[in-house]
Amino acid sequence: MTAADALQSPTADRAGRIFPLHLTPFEEYMLWDDRPEYPMTFVVQLDLEGEIDREALTETLPLALERHPLLQAIVGPAKGNRDCWITAPNPQVMIDWADWEVPVGIPNGEAINLRKQVGLRIWVRTKQQRSMLTLQFHHAAADGIGAYQFIGDWLWYYAERVGQPVTQPLPPNDAKALRRRGKASYSLDNYRLPNGQLEVDKREAFTYALKSMLPVAAPRRADPQRNQSTECSERFPGLCGYEFDKATYKQLRHVAEARGQSANELLIERLLVSLRAWNKEQGKDKKGTFCIMMPMDLREADTRMGTAANLVTYALVRRDREECMESEQLIDSLRQEMVRLKHQRHRTPFMNMMAYLTRYPSWLKRWYAGRGCAATAILSNTGDPTKRFTVPLPSEKGIVRAGNLRLLDISGVPPMRNGTHLTISIFTYRRVLKICLRCDPHRFTVAQSQQFLDHYTSMIHRLLDA
């Protein structure tokens, strides 16, 4: 199908055949936990080299969106008067274009009201031979994998539109697969014993989830009188990044292997050690428990949908402050826990609790979502996002090309939830290891976020130097 053919596609008709769709427990949670100051949204930034074709990028956006109906939907009462995904009255997504120096503008704040707006915003900032593409997604409409599927499709259409088509065609779009995402996200069959009875302990699930954790200590603000909401808006998305080059990343993997760890386990262990040391440096060395909340992909071979959706759960890795020090015990316990989580990700206590909360009134759900620190940090190991593209794009020395554009870098972080002051993504694009981080913008300046990132990476380098 060419871009010209796709422009004639009856998008509204097709969407009408898909919607309404009941929300999954995790999608509902994204709405309960959504609040203006801590919205359940995440950001992806693409650093592109080449003279971007504004007309081509604009014209191909609707073609990519047609393959991802949840990014053109809103939430409203439908089946049984329950909240459902429904077709948005105005599903058009506009691109905010400006010069490179112009900040990404969010005059009304970061929140996306899914009852009135679709869950996607886009900004492009350009200068000669360079563009920064910033996308903000609502996490109810897409997880990170779904976001990169959409981005890959958009870049595929762009390449075709500028006359440098990708050899491999996009597969047929099966948007009706969205109806299967509920069972893929949470299925009671995963909790069923061989005798057919359910092994579900809601008391254990609630106890597991409601315990309050230690937050990341915020440094004292340089100017406590400065308007925080204005400051957050001025520096959105406020990402900080650090790269371990190809040789150093290789060394890190070798060090991890020598310690009996995967690279991911090493990064988690270093984060726990860093959290304790950082809080002590800030004069907040309190007793308690640190918790790292990790998104885990629930897609299997038969549920690898080619359309954006949310198919993740959260694993909660918890360690008492006294355990967060360099020791064989910490390394061994994390290794065993990672293996267990990988095999039990379809029956986590977190999803068990989410499913139970769907039965309770909205005020109770909001109470749960609004309580204190449930996780110290959120850590998402994104890997190479370009591997999530529906179709592989051409690559030159590890750098992906889409038409006349080269993808120099990728950045982004998971949502910043209430009570959690730190969110991190790990990328391995271009065969380097990149740590992308954002601290709570209401408590940390960008410079202070950079200080924590420097502290964390120094803990990693300490191992490599040793």
Protein backbone atom coordinates (compact mmCIF):
# COMPACT_ATOMS: atom_id res chain seq x y z
CA MET A 1 0.00 0.00 0.00
CA THR A 2 1.43 3.38 -1.03
CA ALA A 3 1.11 6.58 0.94
CA ALA A 4 -1.32 7.93 -1.63
CA ASP A 5 -3.56 4.87 -1.25
CA ALA A 6 -3.49 5.09 2.54
CA LEU A 7 -4.60 8.72 2.47
CA GLN A 8 -7.90 7.55 1.03
CA SER A 9 -8.49 4.96 3.78
CA PRO A 10 -11.75 5.36 5.75
CA THR A 11 -10.09 5.66 9.17
CA ALA A 12 -13.26 6.57 11.03
CA ASP A 13 -15.10 3.55 9.60
CA ARG A 14 -12.37 1.17 10.69
CA ALA A 15 -12.13 2.70 14.16
CA GLY A 16 -15.88 2.35 14.53
CA ARG A 17 -15.58 -1.39 13.97
CA ILE A 18 -13.01 -1.68 16.77
CA PHE A 19 -14.49 0.55 19.46
CA PRO A 20 -15.79 0.62 22.12
CA LEU A 21 -13.24 -1.47 24.02
CA HIS A 22 -13.32 -2.13 27.77
CA LEU A 23 -10.24 -0.95 29.65
CA THR A 24 -7.82 -3.54 30.99
CA PRO A 25 -6.93 -3.46 34.73
CA PHE A 26 -3.58 -1.85 33.94
CA GLU A 27 -5.16 0.80 31.71
CA GLU A 28 -7.60 1.61 34.51
CA TYR A 29 -4.67 1.94 36.90
CA MET A 30 -3.06 4.45 34.54
CA LEU A 31 -6.22 6.57 34.89
CA TRP A 32 -6.49 6.19 38.69
CA ASP A 33 -2.86 7.21 39.09
CA ASP A 34 -3.17 10.12 36.66
CA ARG A 35 -3.07 13.60 38.17
CA PRO A 36 -2.20 17.06 36.80
CA GLU A 37 1.10 17.41 38.65
CA TYR A 38 2.14 13.78 38.07
CA PRO A 39 0.50 12.67 34.81
CA MET A 40 0.80 9.10 33.56
CA THR A 41 2.62 10.22 30.43
CA PHE A 42 6.07 9.46 29.08
CA VAL A 43 8.36 11.16 26.59
CA VAL A 44 10.44 9.89 23.68
CA GLN A 45 12.92 12.13 21.87
CA LEU A 46 14.57 11.40 18.52
CA ASP A 47 17.67 13.34 17.46
CA LEU A 48 17.63 13.34 13.64
CA GLU A 49 20.32 14.43 11.18
CA GLY A 50 19.36 15.66 7.73
CA GLU A 51 17.06 18.29 6.28
CA ILE A 52 13.65 17.17 7.49
CA ASP A 53 10.85 17.33 4.93
CA ARG A 54 8.10 19.09 6.88
CA GLU A 55 5.38 18.32 4.35
CA ALA A 56 6.31 14.63 4.18
CA LEU A 57 6.40 14.23 7.97
CA THR A 58 3.03 15.96 8.35
CA GLU A 59 1.30 14.01 5.57
CA THR A 60 2.51 10.63 6.77
CA LEU A 61 1.47 11.08 10.40
CA PRO A 62 -2.21 10.12 9.76
CA LEU A 63 -1.02 7.03 7.87
CA ALA A 64 0.95 5.81 10.85
CA LEU A 65 -1.83 6.68 13.28
CA GLU A 66 -4.31 4.62 11.30
CA ARG A 67 -2.35 1.53 12.33
CA HIS A 68 -2.58 2.50 16.02
CA PRO A 69 -6.22 3.19 16.96
CA LEU A 70 -5.65 3.73 20.70
CA LEU A 71 -3.58 6.80 19.84
CA GLN A 72 -6.68 8.27 18.19
CA ALA A 73 -9.13 7.31 20.95
CA ILE A 74 -10.42 8.82 24.17
CA VAL A 75 -11.98 7.28 27.29
CA GLY A 76 -15.70 7.58 27.98
CA PRO A 77 -18.74 5.59 29.17
CA ALA A 78 -19.93 3.00 26.67
CA LYS A 79 -20.60 -0.73 27.14
CA GLY A 80 -22.64 -1.20 30.31
CA ASN A 81 -21.96 2.46 31.10
CA ARG A 82 -18.39 1.47 31.96
CA ASP A 83 -15.36 3.46 30.90
CA CYS A 84 -14.20 2.27 27.49
CA TRP A 85 -11.96 3.32 24.66
CA ILE A 86 -14.14 5.17 22.15
CA THR A 87 -13.42 6.98 18.89
CA ALA A 88 -12.30 10.55 19.52
CA PRO A 89 -14.57 13.22 17.99
CA ASN A 90 -11.43 14.96 16.71
CA PRO A 91 -8.65 12.38 16.46
CA GLN A 92 -6.28 14.64 14.54
CA VAL A 93 -2.83 15.04 16.09
CA MET A 94 -1.12 18.33 15.28
CA ILE A 95 2.67 18.79 15.11
CA ASP A 96 4.08 21.81 16.92
CA TRP A 97 6.86 23.14 14.63
CA ALA A 98 9.45 25.72 15.72
CA ASP A 99 13.14 26.60 15.51
CA TRP A 100 15.68 24.57 17.47
CA GLU A 101 16.10 27.19 20.20
CA VAL A 102 12.36 27.39 21.00
CA PRO A 103 11.52 25.33 24.12
CA VAL A 104 8.92 22.58 23.92
CA GLY A 105 5.80 24.39 25.08
CA ILE A 106 3.30 22.96 27.57
CA PRO A 107 1.37 26.05 28.68
CA ASN A 108 -1.35 23.93 30.31
CA GLY A 109 1.03 21.46 31.94
CA GLU A 110 2.16 17.94 31.10
CA ALA A 111 -1.16 16.22 31.79
CA ILE A 112 -3.22 14.73 28.94
CA ASN A 113 -6.91 14.45 29.76
CA LEU A 114 -7.88 11.21 28.02
CA ARG A 115 -11.55 12.01 28.41
CA LYS A 116 -11.11 14.96 26.08
CA GLN A 117 -7.80 14.48 24.26
CA VAL A 118 -6.06 11.66 22.45
CA GLY A 119 -2.99 10.30 24.19
CA LEU A 120 -0.31 11.72 21.90
CA ARG A 121 1.43 15.10 21.51
CA ILE A 122 4.23 15.91 19.07
CA TRP A 123 6.80 18.72 18.79
CA VAL A 124 9.52 19.23 16.16
CA ARG A 125 12.40 21.64 16.67
CA THR A 126 14.69 22.22 13.69
CA LYS A 127 17.90 23.87 12.60
CA GLN A 128 20.10 23.34 9.57
CA GLN A 129 20.52 19.58 8.96
CA ARG A 130 19.21 18.72 12.44
CA SER A 131 15.80 18.06 14.04
CA MET A 132 14.61 17.05 17.49
CA LEU A 133 11.34 15.09 17.42
CA THR A 134 9.66 15.00 20.85
CA LEU A 135 6.64 12.75 21.43
CA GLN A 136 4.56 12.52 24.60
CA PHE A 137 2.35 9.44 25.08
CA HIS A 138 -0.30 8.69 27.66
CA HIS A 139 0.69 5.39 29.25
CA ALA A 140 -2.88 4.07 29.15
CA ALA A 141 -2.81 4.25 25.34
CA ALA A 142 0.66 2.77 24.79
CA ASP A 143 3.63 1.31 26.59
CA GLY A 144 7.19 1.89 25.42
CA ILE A 145 7.11 -0.96 22.92
CA GLY A 146 3.85 0.28 21.44
CA ALA A 147 5.28 3.79 21.18
CA TYR A 148 8.29 2.55 19.22
CA GLN A 149 6.05 0.47 16.96
CA PHE A 150 4.18 3.65 16.06
CA ILE A 151 7.42 5.62 15.58
CA GLY A 152 8.85 2.91 13.34
CA ASP A 153 5.71 2.89 11.20
CA TRP A 154 5.81 6.69 10.89
CA LEU A 155 9.45 6.66 9.81
CA TRP A 156 8.64 3.90 7.28
CA TYR A 157 5.92 6.05 5.69
CA TYR A 158 8.22 9.09 5.76
CA ALA A 159 10.96 7.21 3.91
CA GLU A 160 8.47 6.14 1.25
CA ARG A 161 7.08 9.67 0.93
CA VAL A 162 10.54 11.23 0.31
CA GLY A 163 11.31 8.65 -2.37
CA GLN A 164 13.63 6.35 -0.40
CA PRO A 165 11.26 3.50 0.47
CA VAL A 166 12.19 0.68 2.82
CA THR A 167 12.57 -2.62 0.96
CA GLN A 168 10.46 -4.65 3.38
CA PRO A 169 6.76 -3.67 3.32
CA LEU A 170 4.71 -3.03 6.43
CA PRO A 171 2.61 -6.08 7.34
CA PRO A 172 -1.19 -5.84 7.10
CA ASN A 173 -2.65 -3.94 10.01
CA ASP A 174 -4.67 -6.09 12.42
CA ALA A 175 -6.19 -3.46 14.71
CA LYS A 176 -8.84 -5.97 15.84
CA ALA A 177 -6.03 -7.68 17.75
CA LEU A 178 -6.60 -4.98 20.38
CA ARG A 179 -9.54 -7.04 21.58
CA ARG A 180 -7.08 -9.70 22.75
CA ARG A 181 -4.97 -7.34 24.83
CA GLY A 182 -7.17 -7.78 27.94
CA LYS A 183 -6.45 -11.47 28.35
CA ALA A 184 -2.81 -10.93 27.40
CA SER A 185 -2.49 -8.29 30.11
CA TYR A 186 -4.32 -10.13 32.89
CA SER A 187 -5.74 -13.64 32.67
CA LEU A 188 -7.17 -15.55 35.64
CA ASP A 189 -5.96 -18.74 33.96
CA ASN A 190 -2.45 -17.77 35.04
CA TYR A 191 -3.62 -18.06 38.68
CA ARG A 192 -5.44 -21.37 38.23
CA LEU A 193 -4.24 -24.54 39.97
CA PRO A 194 -4.22 -27.95 38.21
CA ASN A 195 -7.52 -28.78 39.96
CA GLY A 196 -9.14 -25.72 38.39
CA GLN A 197 -9.32 -23.64 41.57
CA LEU A 198 -7.91 -20.11 41.65
CA GLU A 199 -4.77 -19.43 43.68
CA VAL A 200 -5.35 -15.73 44.33
CA ASP A 201 -4.56 -14.13 47.66
CA LYS A 202 -5.84 -10.55 47.63
CA ARG A 203 -4.60 -9.97 51.18
CA GLU A 204 -1.07 -10.81 50.09
CA ALA A 205 -1.46 -8.58 47.03
CA PHE A 206 -2.63 -5.57 49.03
CA THR A 207 0.01 -6.08 51.72
CA TYR A 208 2.63 -6.35 49.01
CA ALA A 209 1.56 -3.10 47.39
CA LEU A 210 0.61 -0.81 50.25
CA LYS A 211 3.87 -0.72 52.17
CA SER A 212 5.49 2.73 52.01
CA MET A 213 9.04 2.97 50.61
CA LEU A 214 11.96 5.35 51.11
CA PRO A 215 12.00 8.18 48.53
CA VAL A 216 15.07 9.60 46.82
CA ALA A 217 16.19 12.53 48.96
CA ALA A 218 15.90 15.86 47.14
CA PRO A 219 18.70 18.40 47.63
CA ARG A 220 17.78 21.79 49.02
CA ARG A 221 16.47 24.02 46.24
CA ALA A 222 18.75 26.89 45.27
CA ASP A 223 15.76 29.24 44.98
CA PRO A 224 12.81 27.92 47.04
CA GLN A 225 10.69 30.96 46.10
CA ARG A 226 10.78 30.22 42.37
CA ASN A 227 7.40 29.21 40.93
CA GLN A 228 7.65 25.45 40.52
CA SER A 229 4.94 25.03 37.90
CA THR A 230 6.56 27.73 35.74
CA GLU A 231 9.95 26.10 36.19
CA CYS A 232 8.63 22.64 35.20
CA SER A 233 7.05 24.08 32.07
CA GLU A 234 10.20 25.94 31.07
CA ARG A 235 12.39 22.85 31.20
CA PHE A 236 10.10 20.12 29.91
CA PRO A 237 10.96 17.32 29.35
CA GLY A 238 14.05 17.90 31.52
CA LEU A 239 15.92 14.71 30.57
CA CYS A 240 19.52 14.02 31.62
CA GLY A 241 21.65 11.44 29.83
CA TYR A 242 24.99 9.68 30.10
CA GLU A 243 26.63 7.31 27.61
CA PHE A 244 29.08 4.48 28.14
CA ASP A 245 30.80 4.13 24.78
CA LYS A 246 31.06 0.84 22.90
CA ALA A 247 34.34 -0.21 24.54
CA THR A 248 33.20 0.74 28.06
CA TYR A 249 29.87 -1.00 27.56
CA LYS A 250 31.73 -4.14 26.53
CA GLN A 251 33.87 -3.85 29.64
CA LEU A 252 30.73 -3.44 31.78
CA ARG A 253 29.28 -6.66 30.38
CA HIS A 254 32.53 -8.50 31.12
CA VAL A 255 32.63 -7.15 34.68
CA ALA A 256 29.02 -8.21 35.20
CA GLU A 257 29.76 -11.70 33.87
CA ALA A 258 32.76 -12.04 36.20
CA ARG A 259 30.48 -11.15 39.12
CA GLY A 260 27.85 -13.66 38.03
CA GLN A 261 25.44 -10.97 36.85
CA SER A 262 23.72 -9.85 33.70
CA ALA A 263 24.34 -6.24 32.69
CA ASN A 264 20.79 -5.41 33.78
CA GLU A 265 21.34 -6.96 37.22
CA LEU A 266 24.52 -4.95 37.64
CA LEU A 267 22.68 -1.72 36.84
CA ILE A 268 19.93 -2.53 39.35
CA GLU A 269 22.45 -3.43 42.05
CA ARG A 270 24.42 -0.23 41.42
CA LEU A 271 21.21 1.80 41.63
CA LEU A 272 20.33 0.33 45.03
CA VAL A 273 23.83 1.06 46.32
CA SER A 274 23.62 4.57 44.85
CA LEU A 275 20.26 5.29 46.49
CA ARG A 276 21.56 4.51 49.95
CA ALA A 277 24.78 6.49 49.46
CA TRP A 278 22.94 9.47 47.91
CA ASN A 279 20.39 9.73 50.71
CA LYS A 280 23.18 9.56 53.28
CA GLU A 281 25.01 12.40 51.51
CA GLN A 282 21.81 14.47 51.64
CA GLY A 283 21.48 13.90 55.39
CA LYS A 284 18.43 11.62 54.93
CA ASP A 285 19.88 8.24 55.91
CA LYS A 286 16.65 6.91 57.39
CA LYS A 287 15.84 3.30 58.08
CA GLY A 288 13.38 1.69 55.69
CA THR A 289 13.09 -0.03 52.32
CA PHE A 290 14.09 1.03 48.82
CA CYS A 291 11.90 -0.16 45.97
CA ILE A 292 12.69 -0.22 42.24
CA MET A 293 9.57 -0.53 40.10
CA MET A 294 10.36 -2.22 36.78
CA PRO A 295 8.01 -2.50 33.78
CA MET A 296 7.94 -6.04 32.37
CA ASP A 297 6.69 -6.89 28.90
CA LEU A 298 3.82 -9.39 28.83
CA ARG A 299 3.87 -10.04 25.08
CA GLU A 300 4.16 -13.63 23.94
CA ALA A 301 4.47 -15.09 20.45
CA ASP A 302 0.68 -15.09 19.99
CA THR A 303 0.14 -11.59 21.46
CA ARG A 304 2.86 -9.59 19.68
CA MET A 305 0.41 -7.08 18.34
CA GLY A 306 1.61 -4.70 15.67
CA THR A 307 -0.48 -1.89 17.07
CA ALA A 308 0.25 0.33 20.07
CA ALA A 309 -1.24 -0.86 23.36
CA ASN A 310 -0.22 -1.33 26.97
CA LEU A 311 0.94 -4.88 27.66
CA VAL A 312 3.17 -4.51 30.69
CA THR A 313 3.10 -5.27 34.37
CA TYR A 314 5.28 -3.92 37.17
CA ALA A 315 7.76 -5.91 39.20
CA LEU A 316 8.66 -4.39 42.57
CA VAL A 317 12.26 -5.10 43.61
CA ARG A 318 12.62 -4.25 47.29
CA ARG A 319 15.63 -4.19 49.58
CA ASP A 320 16.04 -2.89 53.12
CA ARG A 321 18.42 0.05 53.36
CA GLU A 322 20.91 -2.11 55.29
CA GLU A 323 21.09 -4.55 52.36
CA CYS A 324 21.93 -1.82 49.81
CA MET A 325 25.68 -2.09 50.06
CA GLU A 326 28.27 -3.91 48.01
CA SER A 327 28.01 -7.57 48.95
CA GLU A 328 27.78 -11.03 47.45
CA GLN A 329 24.46 -11.42 49.23
CA LEU A 330 22.91 -8.50 47.31
CA ILE A 331 24.26 -9.81 44.00
CA ASP A 332 22.98 -13.34 44.65
CA SER A 333 19.55 -12.26 45.84
CA LEU A 334 19.01 -10.02 42.80
CA ARG A 335 20.11 -12.80 40.44
CA GLN A 336 17.60 -15.21 41.91
CA GLU A 337 14.83 -12.61 41.95
CA MET A 338 15.34 -11.67 38.30
CA VAL A 339 15.04 -15.30 37.24
CA ARG A 340 11.87 -15.72 39.29
CA LEU A 341 10.31 -12.51 37.96
CA LYS A 342 11.00 -13.50 34.37
CA HIS A 343 9.12 -16.78 34.78
CA GLN A 344 6.29 -15.36 36.91
CA ARG A 345 5.63 -12.06 35.14
CA HIS A 346 2.11 -13.16 34.10
CA ARG A 347 1.03 -13.61 37.72
CA THR A 348 2.59 -10.78 39.66
CA PRO A 349 1.05 -9.56 42.95
CA PHE A 350 0.88 -6.12 41.36
CA MET A 351 -1.50 -7.23 38.58
CA ASN A 352 -3.46 -9.32 41.07
CA MET A 353 -4.06 -6.18 43.13
CA MET A 354 -4.97 -4.12 40.02
CA ALA A 355 -7.60 -6.67 39.05
CA TYR A 356 -9.16 -6.58 42.52
CA LEU A 357 -9.23 -2.79 42.62
CA THR A 358 -11.38 -2.68 39.49
CA ARG A 359 -14.27 -3.88 41.68
CA TYR A 360 -14.03 -0.99 44.12
CA PRO A 361 -15.42 2.56 43.84
CA SER A 362 -13.42 5.34 42.23
CA TRP A 363 -12.68 7.10 45.51
CA LEU A 364 -10.87 4.02 46.83
CA LYS A 365 -8.85 3.68 43.65
CA ARG A 366 -7.89 7.33 43.80
CA TRP A 367 -6.94 6.93 47.46
CA TYR A 368 -4.60 4.09 46.59
CA ALA A 369 -3.08 5.99 43.69
CA GLY A 370 -2.63 9.15 45.74
CA ARG A 371 -0.91 7.70 48.76
CA GLY A 372 2.79 8.03 49.62
CA CYS A 373 5.93 6.60 48.09
CA ALA A 374 5.11 3.17 46.64
CA ALA A 375 8.40 3.04 44.72
CA THR A 376 11.70 4.83 45.17
CA ALA A 377 12.53 4.71 41.47
CA ILE A 378 11.17 3.42 38.19
CA LEU A 379 13.72 1.64 36.00
CA SER A 380 12.91 0.55 32.45
CA ASN A 381 15.50 -1.37 30.44
CA THR A 382 14.39 -0.35 26.96
CA GLY A 383 17.26 -2.03 25.12
CA ASP A 384 17.52 -0.97 21.47
CA PRO A 385 14.19 0.74 20.66
CA THR A 386 14.72 0.33 16.91
CA LYS A 387 14.43 -3.44 17.39
CA ARG A 388 10.79 -2.77 18.31
CA PHE A 389 10.01 -1.21 14.92
CA THR A 390 7.46 -3.28 13.00
CA VAL A 391 9.84 -3.39 10.03
CA PRO A 392 13.64 -2.99 10.31
CA LEU A 393 14.85 0.25 8.74
CA PRO A 394 18.19 0.48 6.89
CA SER A 395 21.21 0.89 9.14
CA GLU A 396 24.63 2.38 8.45
CA LYS A 397 27.30 1.59 11.07
CA GLY A 398 24.59 1.05 13.67
CA ILE A 399 22.73 4.29 12.85
CA VAL A 400 19.20 3.82 11.49
CA ARG A 401 18.21 5.73 8.37
CA ALA A 402 14.67 6.78 7.44
CA GLY A 403 14.69 8.32 3.98
CA ASN A 404 17.02 11.31 4.09
CA LEU A 405 17.23 11.30 7.90
CA ARG A 406 19.70 9.54 10.18
CA LEU A 407 18.61 8.66 13.73
CA LEU A 408 21.54 9.89 15.81
CA ASP A 409 20.13 9.31 19.26
CA ILE A 410 17.07 8.26 21.28
CA SER A 411 16.08 9.49 24.73
CA GLY A 412 13.11 9.06 27.04
CA VAL A 413 11.91 8.03 30.48
CA PRO A 414 8.85 6.29 32.00
CA PRO A 415 6.11 8.31 33.74
CA MET A 416 6.83 10.06 37.04
CA ARG A 417 4.18 8.86 39.49
CA ASN A 418 3.12 10.56 42.71
CA GLY A 419 5.57 9.83 45.53
CA THR A 420 8.28 8.48 43.21
CA HIS A 421 11.03 11.02 42.62
CA LEU A 422 13.18 9.21 40.05
CA THR A 423 12.52 7.58 36.68
CA ILE A 424 15.18 5.98 34.47
CA SER A 425 15.46 4.33 31.06
CA ILE A 426 18.38 2.22 29.86
CA PHE A 427 19.09 2.27 26.09
CA THR A 428 21.57 0.28 24.00
CA TYR A 429 21.07 1.96 20.61
CA ARG A 430 24.23 2.28 18.46
CA ARG A 431 25.83 -0.43 20.64
CA VAL A 432 26.47 2.06 23.44
CA LEU A 433 24.86 1.98 26.87
CA LYS A 434 22.87 5.11 27.62
CA ILE A 435 21.26 5.98 30.95
CA CYS A 436 18.46 8.52 30.58
CA LEU A 437 17.05 9.97 33.79
CA ARG A 438 14.56 12.45 35.14
CA CYS A 439 14.01 13.41 38.78
CA ASP A 440 10.78 14.86 40.14
CA PRO A 441 10.62 18.33 38.54
CA HIS A 442 8.68 19.65 41.54
CA ARG A 443 11.58 18.79 43.85
CA PHE A 444 14.72 18.70 41.68
CA THR A 445 16.14 21.19 39.21
CA VAL A 446 17.68 19.77 36.02
CA ALA A 447 21.13 20.47 37.49
CA GLN A 448 20.24 18.49 40.62
CA SER A 449 18.93 15.64 38.48
CA GLN A 450 22.28 15.68 36.69
CA GLN A 451 23.99 15.47 40.07
CA PHE A 452 22.15 12.26 40.87
CA LEU A 453 22.97 10.85 37.43
CA ASP A 454 26.65 11.67 37.98
CA HIS A 455 26.46 9.95 41.37
CA TYR A 456 24.88 6.82 39.85
CA THR A 457 27.31 6.56 36.92
CA SER A 458 30.28 7.09 39.24
CA MET A 459 29.13 4.04 41.20
CA ILE A 460 29.23 2.05 37.96
CA HIS A 461 32.63 3.42 36.92
CA ARG A 462 34.00 2.53 40.33
CA LEU A 463 33.44 -1.13 39.48
CA LEU A 464 34.94 -0.79 36.03
CA ASP A 465 38.01 1.05 37.33
CA ALA A 466 38.54 -1.62 39.95
